[in-house]
């Protein structure tokens, strides 16, 4: 006797039976959940899908079919693509950094407080502009010659050059800024700089420092801080002593 091979109708009935059971369970969960009951559209879609599955199941169900419905096998996915590991190519797609306009994070970040100064017009003197530049992106004014053109214009040591003749130069290198300044004629250059501001200390920290410093200084010098006045201990039962005193006074008082 040969092995029984289920026909297409048997496999279809098995899948429809699993579909009907799943849709009935979905409707039951929809009726139980409070949040799901508010979605009327979901209930209509589930009910319509269940009616279609029941109608299709009734078409395949015949009276002369006495075979037991088998369990529906799991549907195995099939694809022509083979999974493989590919290293990402970061040079394929070029993107623009959204923080590029802000400037280098070494200066233009949340941990620094700065103030924009300028534009400042600086003219060339006999010995140049009277300043020394250092660093890249952004270029730092390392020194300012007293009495020079830079000092007269209000530039100070520690300022960062962010604009030169109206062009942003936050990301310029040292050689490029120097070359642009050397190419300026007698009319001078217009600079815009950024001055770093000292960070404000959180409130409450400076109030305790003098007291702590005085305490450490007293310990180093061998001084002792004045101790609080000692209070004589009193018994908790003070009323009992008063009662005893009243009794003794009554006994020692002479009778009239």
Protein backbone atom coordinates (compact mmCIF):
# COMPACT_ATOMS: atom_id res chain seq x y z
CA UNK A 1 0.00 0.00 0.00
CA UNK A 2 1.50 3.28 -1.10
CA UNK A 3 2.05 6.30 1.09
CA UNK A 4 -0.74 8.86 1.13
CA UNK A 5 0.23 12.18 -0.37
CA UNK A 6 -2.04 15.06 0.64
CA UNK A 7 -3.61 16.88 -2.28
CA UNK A 8 -3.70 20.62 -2.80
CA UNK A 9 -7.19 20.84 -1.26
CA UNK A 10 -6.00 19.13 1.92
CA UNK A 11 -3.06 21.48 2.29
CA UNK A 12 -5.32 24.43 1.56
CA UNK A 13 -7.81 23.30 4.20
CA UNK A 14 -5.00 22.95 6.71
CA UNK A 15 -3.78 26.48 6.09
CA UNK A 16 -7.33 27.85 6.13
CA UNK A 17 -7.99 26.07 9.43
CA UNK A 18 -4.91 27.68 10.97
CA UNK A 19 -5.97 31.03 9.54
CA UNK A 20 -9.47 30.73 11.02
CA UNK A 21 -8.10 29.84 14.45
CA UNK A 22 -5.70 32.76 14.37
CA UNK A 23 -8.36 35.24 13.28
CA UNK A 24 -10.78 34.06 15.96
CA UNK A 25 -8.05 34.53 18.57
CA UNK A 26 -7.38 38.02 17.22
CA UNK A 27 -11.07 38.93 17.57
CA UNK A 28 -11.08 37.57 21.12
CA UNK A 29 -8.07 39.70 22.07
CA UNK A 30 -9.71 42.70 20.44
CA UNK A 31 -12.79 42.24 22.60
CA UNK A 32 -10.73 41.83 25.78
CA UNK A 33 -8.37 44.79 25.40
CA UNK A 34 -9.69 48.23 26.33
CA UNK A 35 -7.42 50.10 23.96
CA UNK A 36 -8.21 47.73 21.08
CA UNK A 37 -11.97 48.07 21.56
CA UNK A 38 -11.69 51.77 20.74
CA UNK A 39 -10.32 50.95 17.26
CA UNK A 40 -13.50 50.09 15.37
CA UNK A 41 -11.71 49.85 12.03
CA UNK A 42 -9.50 47.01 13.31
CA UNK A 43 -12.53 44.98 14.38
CA UNK A 44 -14.14 45.41 10.97
CA UNK A 45 -10.98 44.27 9.17
CA UNK A 46 -10.61 41.19 11.40
CA UNK A 47 -14.27 40.24 10.98
CA UNK A 48 -14.08 40.59 7.20
CA UNK A 49 -10.93 38.45 7.03
CA UNK A 50 -12.58 35.78 9.18
CA UNK A 51 -15.66 35.68 6.95
CA UNK A 52 -13.49 35.26 3.85
CA UNK A 53 -11.54 32.42 5.46
CA UNK A 54 -14.74 30.64 6.53
CA UNK A 55 -16.25 31.03 3.07
CA UNK A 56 -13.14 29.61 1.42
CA UNK A 57 -13.00 26.76 3.92
CA UNK A 58 -16.63 25.84 3.20
CA UNK A 59 -15.86 25.65 -0.53
CA UNK A 60 -13.13 23.06 0.05
CA UNK A 61 -15.08 21.09 2.66
CA UNK A 62 -17.00 18.25 1.03
CA UNK A 63 -19.47 15.80 2.57
CA UNK A 64 -17.77 12.72 1.12
CA UNK A 65 -14.36 13.78 2.42
CA UNK A 66 -13.71 11.71 5.54
CA UNK A 67 -10.00 12.35 5.72
CA UNK A 68 -8.66 14.02 8.83
CA UNK A 69 -7.35 17.53 8.31
CA UNK A 70 -3.61 17.58 8.83
CA UNK A 71 -1.64 20.30 10.56
CA UNK A 72 -0.55 23.06 8.25
CA UNK A 73 3.21 23.05 7.71
CA UNK A 74 5.19 26.18 8.31
CA UNK A 75 5.71 28.28 5.22
CA UNK A 76 9.40 28.28 4.41
CA UNK A 77 10.75 31.49 2.95
CA UNK A 78 12.51 31.30 -0.38
CA UNK A 79 14.76 33.85 -1.95
CA UNK A 80 17.34 33.98 -4.68
CA UNK A 81 19.61 36.33 -2.74
CA UNK A 82 22.32 34.78 -0.62
CA UNK A 83 23.11 36.49 2.70
CA UNK A 84 26.60 37.88 2.88
CA UNK A 85 28.51 40.34 5.02
CA UNK A 86 29.52 43.56 3.31
CA UNK A 87 31.72 46.19 4.85
CA UNK A 88 30.14 49.65 4.71
CA UNK A 89 31.67 52.06 2.25
CA UNK A 90 31.71 55.49 3.85
CA UNK A 91 33.15 57.14 0.75
CA UNK A 92 30.20 56.25 -1.46
CA UNK A 93 27.77 58.75 0.03
CA UNK A 94 29.05 62.18 0.98
CA UNK A 95 27.19 64.13 3.64
CA UNK A 96 27.63 67.57 5.15
CA UNK A 97 28.23 67.95 8.85
CA UNK A 98 25.42 70.03 10.34
CA UNK A 99 27.80 71.44 12.98
CA UNK A 100 30.38 72.59 10.44
CA UNK A 101 29.00 76.12 10.42
CA UNK A 102 29.36 76.31 14.19
CA UNK A 103 33.12 75.85 14.06
CA UNK A 104 35.71 73.58 15.68
CA UNK A 105 34.39 71.99 18.86
CA UNK A 106 37.62 72.76 20.71
CA UNK A 107 36.41 76.37 20.97
CA UNK A 108 32.78 76.48 19.88
CA UNK A 109 31.22 74.00 22.28
CA UNK A 110 28.91 74.08 25.27
CA UNK A 111 31.79 73.94 27.75
CA UNK A 112 33.14 77.34 26.59
CA UNK A 113 31.58 80.78 26.90
CA UNK A 114 32.68 83.22 24.21
CA UNK A 115 31.82 86.66 22.89
CA UNK A 116 31.98 87.87 19.29
CA UNK A 117 33.98 91.06 18.77
CA UNK A 118 34.16 93.05 15.58
CA UNK A 119 34.55 93.60 12.80
CA UNK A 120 37.80 95.36 13.76
CA UNK A 121 39.79 97.26 11.14
CA UNK A 122 43.55 96.75 11.43
CA UNK A 123 46.01 98.68 9.29
CA UNK A 124 49.51 97.61 8.42
CA UNK A 125 52.32 99.45 10.21
CA UNK A 126 56.04 99.62 9.59
CA UNK A 127 56.59 96.36 11.47
CA UNK A 128 53.44 94.65 10.19
CA UNK A 129 50.17 94.29 12.05
CA UNK A 130 51.80 93.96 15.47
CA UNK A 131 50.52 90.50 16.37
CA UNK A 132 51.69 86.89 16.44
CA UNK A 133 49.47 84.06 15.19
CA UNK A 134 49.54 80.44 16.26
CA UNK A 135 47.55 77.25 15.69
CA UNK A 136 45.04 76.05 13.13
CA UNK A 137 41.25 76.08 12.88
CA UNK A 138 40.75 78.55 14.41
CA UNK A 139 43.91 80.64 14.36
CA UNK A 140 44.84 82.07 17.77
CA UNK A 141 46.33 85.51 18.43
CA UNK A 142 49.24 84.38 20.60
CA UNK A 143 50.75 87.82 21.29
CA UNK A 144 49.98 91.49 20.68
CA UNK A 145 52.77 94.08 20.55
CA UNK A 146 51.95 97.01 22.86
CA UNK A 147 51.40 100.20 20.91
CA UNK A 148 51.09 98.36 17.59
CA UNK A 149 48.24 98.49 15.10
CA UNK A 150 46.57 95.36 16.54
CA UNK A 151 46.64 96.75 20.09
CA UNK A 152 45.28 100.08 18.86
CA UNK A 153 42.40 98.28 17.13
CA UNK A 154 41.44 96.50 20.37
CA UNK A 155 42.75 93.02 19.65
CA UNK A 156 43.96 91.09 22.66
CA UNK A 157 46.05 88.04 23.34
CA UNK A 158 43.95 84.88 23.39
CA UNK A 159 41.43 85.97 20.75
CA UNK A 160 40.50 83.61 17.90
CA UNK A 161 40.13 84.94 14.36
CA UNK A 162 36.80 83.81 12.88
CA UNK A 163 36.41 86.18 9.93
CA UNK A 164 38.88 87.91 7.60
CA UNK A 165 37.56 90.61 5.25
CA UNK A 166 34.02 89.23 5.54
CA UNK A 167 35.00 85.61 4.83
CA UNK A 168 34.53 83.00 7.61
CA UNK A 169 37.91 81.53 8.52
CA UNK A 170 37.08 79.27 11.47
CA UNK A 171 38.42 76.24 9.59
CA UNK A 172 41.37 77.95 7.91
CA UNK A 173 44.88 76.79 8.61
CA UNK A 174 47.66 78.99 9.96
CA UNK A 175 49.45 79.29 6.62
CA UNK A 176 46.29 80.39 4.80
CA UNK A 177 45.48 83.14 7.32
CA UNK A 178 49.07 84.43 7.24
CA UNK A 179 49.07 84.45 3.44
CA UNK A 180 45.82 86.41 3.34
CA UNK A 181 47.15 88.98 5.81
CA UNK A 182 50.38 89.37 3.86
CA UNK A 183 48.41 89.96 0.69
CA UNK A 184 46.49 92.86 2.22
CA UNK A 185 47.55 96.29 0.99
CA UNK A 186 47.84 99.58 2.81
CA UNK A 187 44.07 99.75 3.30
CA UNK A 188 44.34 97.11 6.04
CA UNK A 189 42.18 94.14 6.95
CA UNK A 190 38.83 93.70 8.66
CA UNK A 191 38.96 91.04 11.37
CA UNK A 192 36.27 89.49 13.50
CA UNK A 193 37.47 87.67 16.58
CA UNK A 194 36.02 85.61 19.41
CA UNK A 195 37.00 86.23 23.03
CA UNK A 196 36.65 83.40 25.54
CA UNK A 197 34.88 84.40 28.74
CA UNK A 198 35.57 82.88 32.17
CA UNK A 199 32.96 80.37 33.22
CA UNK A 200 30.76 81.41 36.12
CA UNK A 201 31.16 79.22 39.19
CA UNK A 202 28.02 77.54 40.51
CA UNK A 203 26.38 79.39 43.41
CA UNK A 204 27.32 78.25 46.88
CA UNK A 205 30.84 77.06 46.10
CA UNK A 206 32.60 80.35 46.89
CA UNK A 207 30.78 80.86 50.17
CA UNK A 208 32.29 77.80 51.82
CA UNK A 209 35.84 78.24 50.55
CA UNK A 210 36.98 80.92 53.08
CA UNK A 211 35.65 78.92 56.00
CA UNK A 212 37.31 75.75 54.74
CA UNK A 213 40.57 77.62 54.08
CA UNK A 214 40.53 79.12 57.57
CA UNK A 215 39.96 75.71 59.11
CA UNK A 216 42.89 74.20 57.22
CA UNK A 217 45.10 77.17 58.11
CA UNK A 218 44.27 76.78 61.81
CA UNK A 219 45.15 73.11 61.67
CA UNK A 220 48.49 73.85 60.01
CA UNK A 221 49.42 76.55 62.57
CA UNK A 222 48.32 74.47 65.54
CA UNK A 223 45.48 76.78 66.52
CA UNK A 224 42.29 75.48 67.96
CA UNK A 225 38.93 76.75 66.96
CA UNK A 226 36.87 78.09 69.88
CA UNK A 227 34.68 75.37 71.17
CA UNK A 228 31.09 75.96 72.09
CA UNK A 229 30.27 76.70 75.70
CA UNK A 230 29.74 73.53 77.63
CA UNK A 231 26.32 73.11 79.06
CA UNK A 232 25.99 71.32 82.35
CA UNK A 233 24.05 68.15 81.89
CA UNK A 234 20.61 68.16 83.39
CA UNK A 235 18.72 65.08 84.42
CA UNK A 236 15.76 64.15 82.38
CA UNK A 237 13.67 63.80 85.50
CA UNK A 238 14.05 67.35 86.78
CA UNK A 239 10.58 67.37 88.20
CA UNK A 240 11.49 64.58 90.64
CA UNK A 241 14.25 66.73 92.18
CA UNK A 242 11.84 69.60 92.68
CA UNK A 243 9.42 67.26 94.33
CA UNK A 244 12.14 65.96 96.67
CA UNK A 245 13.21 69.51 97.57
CA UNK A 246 9.63 70.40 98.43
CA UNK A 247 9.39 67.41 100.72
CA UNK A 248 12.65 68.18 102.54
CA UNK A 249 11.66 71.81 103.03
CA UNK A 250 8.39 70.71 104.52
CA UNK A 251 10.18 68.49 106.98
CA UNK A 252 12.77 71.07 108.13
CA UNK A 253 10.38 73.99 108.47
CA UNK A 254 9.59 74.71 112.19
CA UNK A 255 6.06 74.20 113.31
CA UNK A 256 4.24 77.25 114.64
